[in-house]
């Protein structure tokens, strides 16, 4: 709708976590490097945490793209972490292509152990990736830790990536999960963007959508509008996307050649976002 009006080749602020739209801020680069290094170097446990809307799932999609380009890597991706321990184990085996239906826990663990040993003997990498890991129960997290015991004297057979909200850090700090915490090899944390990073983020997203080629660049968003977006989004990428997407629609509807601060304020009011105080979570 607004793409032709602003001479864009795609929607620049879609909420879908598309790796093609990844904007590598220093924190996101650091976290992605930690994830990939941890997996490639067989470090065992890698943990990434961040508030709602900081780009954790997009980061995982970027990691998955890197892994898919490596023929020696197999991964299971768990995106619904509200599973009982036995359900969790069934899901993991199924995602690795192993039969799990109707099997008891002992049989599943034996099959999984053979699978990991076979891949390990061929110097192949096996990865378990858990998104929304803050929703894992203490019992399921303990099950995750026990899976990390599947190792040889020289190598960890299963690489485990845990990604979640700050509540995950609190769980890992609990006394009952201290054994798991001690096994974490690498940790990274995502946070909100600064005002300069917010401006760069918007400009980069517009360039990805073709604005630079058409001579528009960041002029679509007036500097005062970018400042307003930062104030209302508190630097959270998901909220930046929401504000920018709706601001472009509104600017098109008003036949305005640029997004103005007034447009941003109107959109923020519609979404009940406040420029002052604690940032509100997007669910």
C-alpha atoms as a PDB file:
ATOM      1  CA  UNK A   1       0.000   0.000   0.000  1.00  0.00           C
ATOM      2  CA  UNK A   2       2.539   2.600   1.095  1.00  0.00           C
ATOM      3  CA  UNK A   3       5.507   0.934  -0.630  1.00  0.00           C
ATOM      4  CA  UNK A   4       4.843   2.470  -4.043  1.00  0.00           C
ATOM      5  CA  UNK A   5       4.118   5.831  -2.454  1.00  0.00           C
ATOM      6  CA  UNK A   6       7.521   5.894  -0.712  1.00  0.00           C
ATOM      7  CA  UNK A   7       9.286   4.023  -3.569  1.00  0.00           C
ATOM      8  CA  UNK A   8      10.159   1.011  -1.407  1.00  0.00           C
ATOM      9  CA  UNK A   9      10.687  -2.535  -2.632  1.00  0.00           C
ATOM     10  CA  UNK A  10       9.381  -4.205   0.540  1.00  0.00           C
ATOM     11  CA  UNK A  11       7.834  -3.396   3.904  1.00  0.00           C
ATOM     12  CA  UNK A  12      10.806  -2.243   5.994  1.00  0.00           C
ATOM     13  CA  UNK A  13       9.312  -2.764   9.449  1.00  0.00           C
ATOM     14  CA  UNK A  14       7.517  -6.104   9.341  1.00  0.00           C
ATOM     15  CA  UNK A  15       7.276  -7.781  12.742  1.00  0.00           C
ATOM     16  CA  UNK A  16       8.124 -11.171  11.206  1.00  0.00           C
ATOM     17  CA  UNK A  17      11.675 -12.087  12.335  1.00  0.00           C
ATOM     18  CA  UNK A  18      13.279 -12.113   8.873  1.00  0.00           C
ATOM     19  CA  UNK A  19      17.095 -12.550   8.875  1.00  0.00           C
ATOM     20  CA  UNK A  20      17.235 -10.436   5.702  1.00  0.00           C
ATOM     21  CA  UNK A  21      16.185  -7.475   7.862  1.00  0.00           C
ATOM     22  CA  UNK A  22      18.732  -8.103  10.611  1.00  0.00           C
ATOM     23  CA  UNK A  23      20.408  -4.870  11.733  1.00  0.00           C
ATOM     24  CA  UNK A  24      23.644  -5.794  13.531  1.00  0.00           C
ATOM     25  CA  UNK A  25      23.926  -3.514  16.549  1.00  0.00           C
ATOM     26  CA  UNK A  26      27.019  -4.120  18.712  1.00  0.00           C
ATOM     27  CA  UNK A  27      25.012  -6.113  21.293  1.00  0.00           C
ATOM     28  CA  UNK A  28      23.280  -8.220  18.653  1.00  0.00           C
ATOM     29  CA  UNK A  29      26.592  -8.890  16.919  1.00  0.00           C
ATOM     30  CA  UNK A  30      28.147  -9.917  20.217  1.00  0.00           C
ATOM     31  CA  UNK A  31      25.259 -12.259  21.045  1.00  0.00           C
ATOM     32  CA  UNK A  32      25.230 -13.854  17.581  1.00  0.00           C
ATOM     33  CA  UNK A  33      28.993 -14.362  17.725  1.00  0.00           C
ATOM     34  CA  UNK A  34      28.678 -16.005  21.164  1.00  0.00           C
ATOM     35  CA  UNK A  35      25.962 -18.335  19.889  1.00  0.00           C
ATOM     36  CA  UNK A  36      27.828 -19.384  16.774  1.00  0.00           C
ATOM     37  CA  UNK A  37      31.189 -19.708  18.541  1.00  0.00           C
ATOM     38  CA  UNK A  38      29.635 -21.756  21.339  1.00  0.00           C
ATOM     39  CA  UNK A  39      28.031 -24.146  18.866  1.00  0.00           C
ATOM     40  CA  UNK A  40      31.032 -24.451  16.554  1.00  0.00           C
ATOM     41  CA  UNK A  41      33.559 -24.904  19.371  1.00  0.00           C
ATOM     42  CA  UNK A  42      31.361 -27.388  21.236  1.00  0.00           C
ATOM     43  CA  UNK A  43      31.211 -25.308  24.400  1.00  0.00           C
ATOM     44  CA  UNK A  44      28.066 -27.009  25.689  1.00  0.00           C
ATOM     45  CA  UNK A  45      25.686 -24.449  27.179  1.00  0.00           C
ATOM     46  CA  UNK A  46      25.172 -20.965  25.713  1.00  0.00           C
ATOM     47  CA  UNK A  47      22.594 -18.577  27.187  1.00  0.00           C
ATOM     48  CA  UNK A  48      21.180 -15.356  25.728  1.00  0.00           C
ATOM     49  CA  UNK A  49      18.645 -13.248  27.618  1.00  0.00           C
ATOM     50  CA  UNK A  50      16.863 -10.011  26.878  1.00  0.00           C
ATOM     51  CA  UNK A  51      13.667  -8.108  27.551  1.00  0.00           C
ATOM     52  CA  UNK A  52      10.534  -8.545  25.462  1.00  0.00           C
ATOM     53  CA  UNK A  53      10.995  -7.057  21.993  1.00  0.00           C
ATOM     54  CA  UNK A  54      14.799  -6.836  21.973  1.00  0.00           C
ATOM     55  CA  UNK A  55      15.200  -9.154  18.960  1.00  0.00           C
ATOM     56  CA  UNK A  56      15.930 -12.550  20.510  1.00  0.00           C
ATOM     57  CA  UNK A  57      13.889 -14.601  18.052  1.00  0.00           C
ATOM     58  CA  UNK A  58      15.330 -12.734  15.069  1.00  0.00           C
ATOM     59  CA  UNK A  59      18.784 -13.463  16.465  1.00  0.00           C
ATOM     60  CA  UNK A  60      17.920 -17.161  16.587  1.00  0.00           C
ATOM     61  CA  UNK A  61      16.666 -17.062  12.989  1.00  0.00           C
ATOM     62  CA  UNK A  62      20.031 -15.601  11.980  1.00  0.00           C
ATOM     63  CA  UNK A  63      21.806 -18.385  13.866  1.00  0.00           C
ATOM     64  CA  UNK A  64      19.613 -21.012  12.195  1.00  0.00           C
ATOM     65  CA  UNK A  65      20.495 -19.598   8.785  1.00  0.00           C
ATOM     66  CA  UNK A  66      24.186 -19.922   9.621  1.00  0.00           C
ATOM     67  CA  UNK A  67      23.690 -23.480  10.838  1.00  0.00           C
ATOM     68  CA  UNK A  68      21.674 -24.462   7.761  1.00  0.00           C
ATOM     69  CA  UNK A  69      24.641 -23.503   5.611  1.00  0.00           C
ATOM     70  CA  UNK A  70      26.796 -26.044   7.454  1.00  0.00           C
ATOM     71  CA  UNK A  71      26.323 -29.632   6.286  1.00  0.00           C
ATOM     72  CA  UNK A  72      27.842 -31.119   9.445  1.00  0.00           C
ATOM     73  CA  UNK A  73      25.287 -29.545  11.800  1.00  0.00           C
ATOM     74  CA  UNK A  74      21.892 -30.929  12.821  1.00  0.00           C
ATOM     75  CA  UNK A  75      19.630 -28.993  15.146  1.00  0.00           C
ATOM     76  CA  UNK A  76      16.321 -29.277  16.979  1.00  0.00           C
ATOM     77  CA  UNK A  77      14.437 -26.025  17.551  1.00  0.00           C
ATOM     78  CA  UNK A  78      11.992 -25.877  20.458  1.00  0.00           C
ATOM     79  CA  UNK A  79       9.804 -22.770  20.321  1.00  0.00           C
ATOM     80  CA  UNK A  80       7.123 -23.896  22.809  1.00  0.00           C
ATOM     81  CA  UNK A  81       8.870 -24.462  26.093  1.00  0.00           C
ATOM     82  CA  UNK A  82       5.780 -25.137  28.219  1.00  0.00           C
ATOM     83  CA  UNK A  83       6.211 -28.893  28.099  1.00  0.00           C
ATOM     84  CA  UNK A  84       6.462 -31.545  30.764  1.00  0.00           C
ATOM     85  CA  UNK A  85       9.858 -33.295  30.959  1.00  0.00           C
ATOM     86  CA  UNK A  86       8.672 -36.389  29.063  1.00  0.00           C
ATOM     87  CA  UNK A  87       6.899 -34.276  26.431  1.00  0.00           C
ATOM     88  CA  UNK A  88      10.064 -32.234  26.080  1.00  0.00           C
ATOM     89  CA  UNK A  89      12.162 -35.327  25.425  1.00  0.00           C
ATOM     90  CA  UNK A  90       9.638 -36.659  22.880  1.00  0.00           C
ATOM     91  CA  UNK A  91       9.656 -33.339  21.032  1.00  0.00           C
ATOM     92  CA  UNK A  92      13.463 -33.173  20.907  1.00  0.00           C
ATOM     93  CA  UNK A  93      13.824 -36.690  19.517  1.00  0.00           C
ATOM     94  CA  UNK A  94      11.056 -36.125  16.966  1.00  0.00           C
ATOM     95  CA  UNK A  95      12.638 -32.898  15.763  1.00  0.00           C
ATOM     96  CA  UNK A  96      15.906 -34.752  15.221  1.00  0.00           C
ATOM     97  CA  UNK A  97      13.987 -37.294  13.140  1.00  0.00           C
ATOM     98  CA  UNK A  98      14.115 -40.061  15.762  1.00  0.00           C
ATOM     99  CA  UNK A  99      11.017 -42.174  16.581  1.00  0.00           C
ATOM    100  CA  UNK A 100       9.635 -41.249  19.989  1.00  0.00           C
ATOM    101  CA  UNK A 101       5.933 -42.081  19.959  1.00  0.00           C
ATOM    102  CA  UNK A 102       5.006 -44.845  22.408  1.00  0.00           C
ATOM    103  CA  UNK A 103       8.520 -45.152  23.831  1.00  0.00           C
ATOM    104  CA  UNK A 104       9.367 -44.849  27.501  1.00  0.00           C
ATOM    105  CA  UNK A 105      11.985 -42.444  28.803  1.00  0.00           C
ATOM    106  CA  UNK A 106      14.693 -45.097  29.080  1.00  0.00           C
ATOM    107  CA  UNK A 107      14.320 -46.142  25.451  1.00  0.00           C
ATOM    108  CA  UNK A 108      14.259 -42.536  24.252  1.00  0.00           C
ATOM    109  CA  UNK A 109      17.459 -41.707  26.131  1.00  0.00           C
ATOM    110  CA  UNK A 110      19.189 -44.809  24.759  1.00  0.00           C
ATOM    111  CA  UNK A 111      18.188 -43.902  21.211  1.00  0.00           C
ATOM    112  CA  UNK A 112      19.296 -40.315  21.682  1.00  0.00           C
ATOM    113  CA  UNK A 113      22.619 -41.390  23.160  1.00  0.00           C
ATOM    114  CA  UNK A 114      23.306 -43.671  20.180  1.00  0.00           C
ATOM    115  CA  UNK A 115      22.331 -40.867  17.805  1.00  0.00           C
ATOM    116  CA  UNK A 116      24.726 -38.398  19.460  1.00  0.00           C
ATOM    117  CA  UNK A 117      27.572 -40.914  19.675  1.00  0.00           C
ATOM    118  CA  UNK A 118      27.192 -41.770  15.997  1.00  0.00           C
ATOM    119  CA  UNK A 119      27.304 -38.134  14.964  1.00  0.00           C
ATOM    120  CA  UNK A 120      30.156 -37.403  17.354  1.00  0.00           C
ATOM    121  CA  UNK A 121      32.234 -40.237  15.899  1.00  0.00           C
ATOM    122  CA  UNK A 122      31.866 -38.540  12.515  1.00  0.00           C
ATOM    123  CA  UNK A 123      32.925 -35.176  13.981  1.00  0.00           C
ATOM    124  CA  UNK A 124      29.468 -33.744  13.370  1.00  0.00           C
ATOM    125  CA  UNK A 125      27.729 -31.138  15.517  1.00  0.00           C
ATOM    126  CA  UNK A 126      24.324 -31.589  17.145  1.00  0.00           C
ATOM    127  CA  UNK A 127      22.484 -28.609  18.601  1.00  0.00           C
ATOM    128  CA  UNK A 128      19.399 -28.194  20.770  1.00  0.00           C
ATOM    129  CA  UNK A 129      17.971 -24.666  20.566  1.00  0.00           C
ATOM    130  CA  UNK A 130      15.293 -23.597  23.042  1.00  0.00           C
ATOM    131  CA  UNK A 131      13.465 -20.308  22.544  1.00  0.00           C
ATOM    132  CA  UNK A 132      11.298 -18.835  25.330  1.00  0.00           C
ATOM    133  CA  UNK A 133      13.464 -20.830  27.742  1.00  0.00           C
ATOM    134  CA  UNK A 134      12.242 -18.718  30.671  1.00  0.00           C
ATOM    135  CA  UNK A 135       9.000 -20.727  30.491  1.00  0.00           C
ATOM    136  CA  UNK A 136      10.774 -24.025  31.116  1.00  0.00           C
ATOM    137  CA  UNK A 137       9.884 -25.534  34.473  1.00  0.00           C
ATOM    138  CA  UNK A 138      12.637 -26.338  36.952  1.00  0.00           C
ATOM    139  CA  UNK A 139      12.066 -30.052  36.250  1.00  0.00           C
ATOM    140  CA  UNK A 140      12.429 -29.570  32.491  1.00  0.00           C
ATOM    141  CA  UNK A 141      15.521 -27.417  32.948  1.00  0.00           C
ATOM    142  CA  UNK A 142      16.990 -30.227  35.015  1.00  0.00           C
ATOM    143  CA  UNK A 143      16.164 -32.582  32.137  1.00  0.00           C
ATOM    144  CA  UNK A 144      18.072 -30.230  29.837  1.00  0.00           C
ATOM    145  CA  UNK A 145      21.065 -30.362  32.181  1.00  0.00           C
ATOM    146  CA  UNK A 146      20.996 -34.146  32.238  1.00  0.00           C
ATOM    147  CA  UNK A 147      21.057 -34.222  28.442  1.00  0.00           C
ATOM    148  CA  UNK A 148      24.326 -32.302  28.613  1.00  0.00           C
ATOM    149  CA  UNK A 149      25.820 -35.333  30.389  1.00  0.00           C
ATOM    150  CA  UNK A 150      25.829 -37.090  27.014  1.00  0.00           C
ATOM    151  CA  UNK A 151      29.485 -36.514  26.268  1.00  0.00           C
ATOM    152  CA  UNK A 152      32.746 -38.290  25.676  1.00  0.00           C
ATOM    153  CA  UNK A 153      36.014 -37.729  27.534  1.00  0.00           C
ATOM    154  CA  UNK A 154      37.069 -35.321  24.782  1.00  0.00           C
ATOM    155  CA  UNK A 155      33.934 -33.638  23.555  1.00  0.00           C
ATOM    156  CA  UNK A 156      30.422 -32.471  24.400  1.00  0.00           C
ATOM    157  CA  UNK A 157      28.075 -34.364  22.104  1.00  0.00           C
ATOM    158  CA  UNK A 158      25.139 -31.980  22.469  1.00  0.00           C
ATOM    159  CA  UNK A 159      25.353 -28.206  22.201  1.00  0.00           C
ATOM    160  CA  UNK A 160      22.504 -26.459  24.035  1.00  0.00           C
ATOM    161  CA  UNK A 161      21.321 -22.910  23.352  1.00  0.00           C
ATOM    162  CA  UNK A 162      18.904 -21.306  25.826  1.00  0.00           C
ATOM    163  CA  UNK A 163      17.269 -18.020  24.841  1.00  0.00           C
ATOM    164  CA  UNK A 164      14.729 -16.217  26.986  1.00  0.00           C
ATOM    165  CA  UNK A 165      13.600 -13.217  28.978  1.00  0.00           C
ATOM    166  CA  UNK A 166      15.403 -12.013  32.145  1.00  0.00           C
ATOM    167  CA  UNK A 167      13.286 -14.435  34.178  1.00  0.00           C
ATOM    168  CA  UNK A 168      15.569 -17.145  32.789  1.00  0.00           C
ATOM    169  CA  UNK A 169      18.532 -15.528  34.558  1.00  0.00           C
ATOM    170  CA  UNK A 170      16.579 -15.592  37.819  1.00  0.00           C
ATOM    171  CA  UNK A 171      15.784 -19.273  37.392  1.00  0.00           C
ATOM    172  CA  UNK A 172      19.408 -20.098  36.624  1.00  0.00           C
ATOM    173  CA  UNK A 173      20.463 -18.185  39.735  1.00  0.00           C
ATOM    174  CA  UNK A 174      18.225 -20.355  41.927  1.00  0.00           C
ATOM    175  CA  UNK A 175      19.869 -22.818  44.282  1.00  0.00           C
ATOM    176  CA  UNK A 176      18.125 -25.844  42.751  1.00  0.00           C
ATOM    177  CA  UNK A 177      19.593 -25.107  39.315  1.00  0.00           C
ATOM    178  CA  UNK A 178      23.138 -24.241  40.440  1.00  0.00           C
ATOM    179  CA  UNK A 179      24.540 -27.330  38.681  1.00  0.00           C
ATOM    180  CA  UNK A 180      23.141 -26.128  35.360  1.00  0.00           C
ATOM    181  CA  UNK A 181      24.402 -22.585  35.918  1.00  0.00           C
ATOM    182  CA  UNK A 182      27.941 -23.854  36.493  1.00  0.00           C
ATOM    183  CA  UNK A 183      27.894 -25.557  33.084  1.00  0.00           C
ATOM    184  CA  UNK A 184      27.133 -22.396  31.128  1.00  0.00           C
ATOM    185  CA  UNK A 185      30.149 -21.607  28.966  1.00  0.00           C
ATOM    186  CA  UNK A 186      28.985 -18.387  27.285  1.00  0.00           C
ATOM    187  CA  UNK A 187      26.362 -15.776  28.168  1.00  0.00           C
ATOM    188  CA  UNK A 188      25.125 -12.689  26.345  1.00  0.00           C
ATOM    189  CA  UNK A 189      22.426 -10.140  27.042  1.00  0.00           C
ATOM    190  CA  UNK A 190      20.346  -8.033  24.672  1.00  0.00           C
ATOM    191  CA  UNK A 191      19.103  -4.614  25.694  1.00  0.00           C
ATOM    192  CA  UNK A 192      17.322  -1.588  24.317  1.00  0.00           C
ATOM    193  CA  UNK A 193      18.937   0.544  21.619  1.00  0.00           C
ATOM    194  CA  UNK A 194      20.330   4.004  22.291  1.00  0.00           C
ATOM    195  CA  UNK A 195      18.884   7.007  20.476  1.00  0.00           C
ATOM    196  CA  UNK A 196      21.725   6.959  17.920  1.00  0.00           C
ATOM    197  CA  UNK A 197      21.291   3.220  17.431  1.00  0.00           C
ATOM    198  CA  UNK A 198      17.543   3.734  16.969  1.00  0.00           C
ATOM    199  CA  UNK A 199      18.217   6.243  14.195  1.00  0.00           C
ATOM    200  CA  UNK A 200      20.724   3.893  12.553  1.00  0.00           C
ATOM    201  CA  UNK A 201      18.286   1.010  12.914  1.00  0.00           C
ATOM    202  CA  UNK A 202      15.510   2.914  11.125  1.00  0.00           C
ATOM    203  CA  UNK A 203      17.867   4.093   8.382  1.00  0.00           C
ATOM    204  CA  UNK A 204      19.252   0.606   7.830  1.00  0.00           C
ATOM    205  CA  UNK A 205      15.775  -0.939   7.679  1.00  0.00           C
ATOM    206  CA  UNK A 206      14.799   1.651   5.066  1.00  0.00           C
ATOM    207  CA  UNK A 207      17.936   0.932   3.039  1.00  0.00           C
ATOM    208  CA  UNK A 208      17.141  -2.797   3.118  1.00  0.00           C
ATOM    209  CA  UNK A 209      13.700  -1.896   1.760  1.00  0.00           C
ATOM    210  CA  UNK A 210      15.242   0.022  -1.143  1.00  0.00           C
ATOM    211  CA  UNK A 211      15.008   3.604   0.126  1.00  0.00           C
ATOM    212  CA  UNK A 212      18.686   4.380  -0.560  1.00  0.00           C
ATOM    213  CA  UNK A 213      18.476   3.311  -4.187  1.00  0.00           C
ATOM    214  CA  UNK A 214      15.544   5.632  -4.704  1.00  0.00           C
ATOM    215  CA  UNK A 215      17.206   8.635  -3.130  1.00  0.00           C
ATOM    216  CA  UNK A 216      14.917   8.738  -0.111  1.00  0.00           C
ATOM    217  CA  UNK A 217      17.046   7.447   2.748  1.00  0.00           C
ATOM    218  CA  UNK A 218      16.066   8.577   6.223  1.00  0.00           C
ATOM    219  CA  UNK A 219      14.273  11.662   4.880  1.00  0.00           C
ATOM    220  CA  UNK A 220      11.085   9.581   5.039  1.00  0.00           C
ATOM    221  CA  UNK A 221      11.318  10.008   8.807  1.00  0.00           C
ATOM    222  CA  UNK A 222      12.046  13.554   9.946  1.00  0.00           C
ATOM    223  CA  UNK A 223      14.769  13.729  12.642  1.00  0.00           C
ATOM    224  CA  UNK A 224      12.178  14.927  15.169  1.00  0.00           C
ATOM    225  CA  UNK A 225      10.002  11.923  14.293  1.00  0.00           C
ATOM    226  CA  UNK A 226      12.921   9.548  14.890  1.00  0.00           C
ATOM    227  CA  UNK A 227      13.498  11.168  18.285  1.00  0.00           C
ATOM    228  CA  UNK A 228       9.816  10.679  19.114  1.00  0.00           C
ATOM    229  CA  UNK A 229       9.986   7.024  18.047  1.00  0.00           C
ATOM    230  CA  UNK A 230      12.899   6.505  20.396  1.00  0.00           C
ATOM    231  CA  UNK A 231      11.046   8.154  23.272  1.00  0.00           C
ATOM    232  CA  UNK A 232       7.903   6.070  22.813  1.00  0.00           C
ATOM    233  CA  UNK A 233       9.645   2.785  21.985  1.00  0.00           C
ATOM    234  CA  UNK A 234      12.305   3.111  24.702  1.00  0.00           C
ATOM    235  CA  UNK A 235      14.697   1.668  22.129  1.00  0.00           C
ATOM    236  CA  UNK A 236      13.014  -1.755  21.890  1.00  0.00           C
ATOM    237  CA  UNK A 237      13.253  -2.959  18.258  1.00  0.00           C
ATOM    238  CA  UNK A 238       9.804  -4.548  18.212  1.00  0.00           C
ATOM    239  CA  UNK A 239       8.167  -1.319  19.347  1.00  0.00           C
ATOM    240  CA  UNK A 240      10.289   0.663  16.879  1.00  0.00           C
ATOM    241  CA  UNK A 241       8.957  -1.590  14.103  1.00  0.00           C
ATOM    242  CA  UNK A 242       5.370  -1.203  15.292  1.00  0.00           C
ATOM    243  CA  UNK A 243       5.604   2.586  15.426  1.00  0.00           C
ATOM    244  CA  UNK A 244       7.409   2.909  12.104  1.00  0.00           C
ATOM    245  CA  UNK A 245       5.092   0.535  10.232  1.00  0.00           C
ATOM    246  CA  UNK A 246       1.969   2.317  11.423  1.00  0.00           C
ATOM    247  CA  UNK A 247       3.546   5.737  10.914  1.00  0.00           C
ATOM    248  CA  UNK A 248       4.218   4.914   7.255  1.00  0.00           C
ATOM    249  CA  UNK A 249       0.621   3.783   6.801  1.00  0.00           C
ATOM    250  CA  UNK A 250      -0.631   6.980   8.446  1.00  0.00           C
ATOM    251  CA  UNK A 251       1.687   9.191   6.380  1.00  0.00           C
ATOM    252  CA  UNK A 252       0.418   7.512   3.225  1.00  0.00           C
ATOM    253  CA  UNK A 253      -3.200   7.997   4.280  1.00  0.00           C
ATOM    254  CA  UNK A 254      -2.509  11.694   4.921  1.00  0.00           C
ATOM    255  CA  UNK A 255      -0.525  11.981   1.676  1.00  0.00           C
ATOM    256  CA  UNK A 256       2.432  13.285   3.657  1.00  0.00           C
ATOM    257  CA  UNK A 257       5.855  12.843   2.033  1.00  0.00           C
ATOM    258  CA  UNK A 258       7.510  12.409   5.444  1.00  0.00           C
ATOM    259  CA  UNK A 259       6.670  10.939   8.828  1.00  0.00           C
ATOM    260  CA  UNK A 260       6.286  13.825  11.262  1.00  0.00           C
ATOM    261  CA  UNK A 261       6.456  13.883  15.080  1.00  0.00           C
ATOM    262  CA  UNK A 262       2.677  14.458  15.157  1.00  0.00           C
ATOM    263  CA  UNK A 263       2.099  11.235  13.226  1.00  0.00           C
ATOM    264  CA  UNK A 264       4.330   9.320  15.640  1.00  0.00           C
ATOM    265  CA  UNK A 265       2.519  10.807  18.645  1.00  0.00           C
ATOM    266  CA  UNK A 266      -0.870   9.849  17.197  1.00  0.00           C
ATOM    267  CA  UNK A 267       0.281   6.267  16.629  1.00  0.00           C
ATOM    268  CA  UNK A 268       1.799   6.073  20.116  1.00  0.00           C
ATOM    269  CA  UNK A 269      -1.504   7.251  21.618  1.00  0.00           C
ATOM    270  CA  UNK A 270      -3.395   4.586  19.673  1.00  0.00           C
ATOM    271  CA  UNK A 271      -1.098   1.910  21.083  1.00  0.00           C
ATOM    272  CA  UNK A 272      -1.178   3.509  24.552  1.00  0.00           C
ATOM    273  CA  UNK A 273       2.587   3.942  24.652  1.00  0.00           C
ATOM    274  CA  UNK A 274       4.117   6.431  27.049  1.00  0.00           C
ATOM    275  CA  UNK A 275       7.254   8.428  26.515  1.00  0.00           C
ATOM    276  CA  UNK A 276       8.079   8.598  30.217  1.00  0.00           C
ATOM    277  CA  UNK A 277       8.310   5.954  32.954  1.00  0.00           C
ATOM    278  CA  UNK A 278       8.867   2.244  32.570  1.00  0.00           C
ATOM    279  CA  UNK A 279       8.566   0.743  29.079  1.00  0.00           C
ATOM    280  CA  UNK A 280       5.446  -1.292  28.518  1.00  0.00           C
ATOM    281  CA  UNK A 281       5.840  -4.847  27.298  1.00  0.00           C
ATOM    282  CA  UNK A 282       4.428  -5.952  23.964  1.00  0.00           C
ATOM    283  CA  UNK A 283       2.840  -9.399  24.134  1.00  0.00           C
END
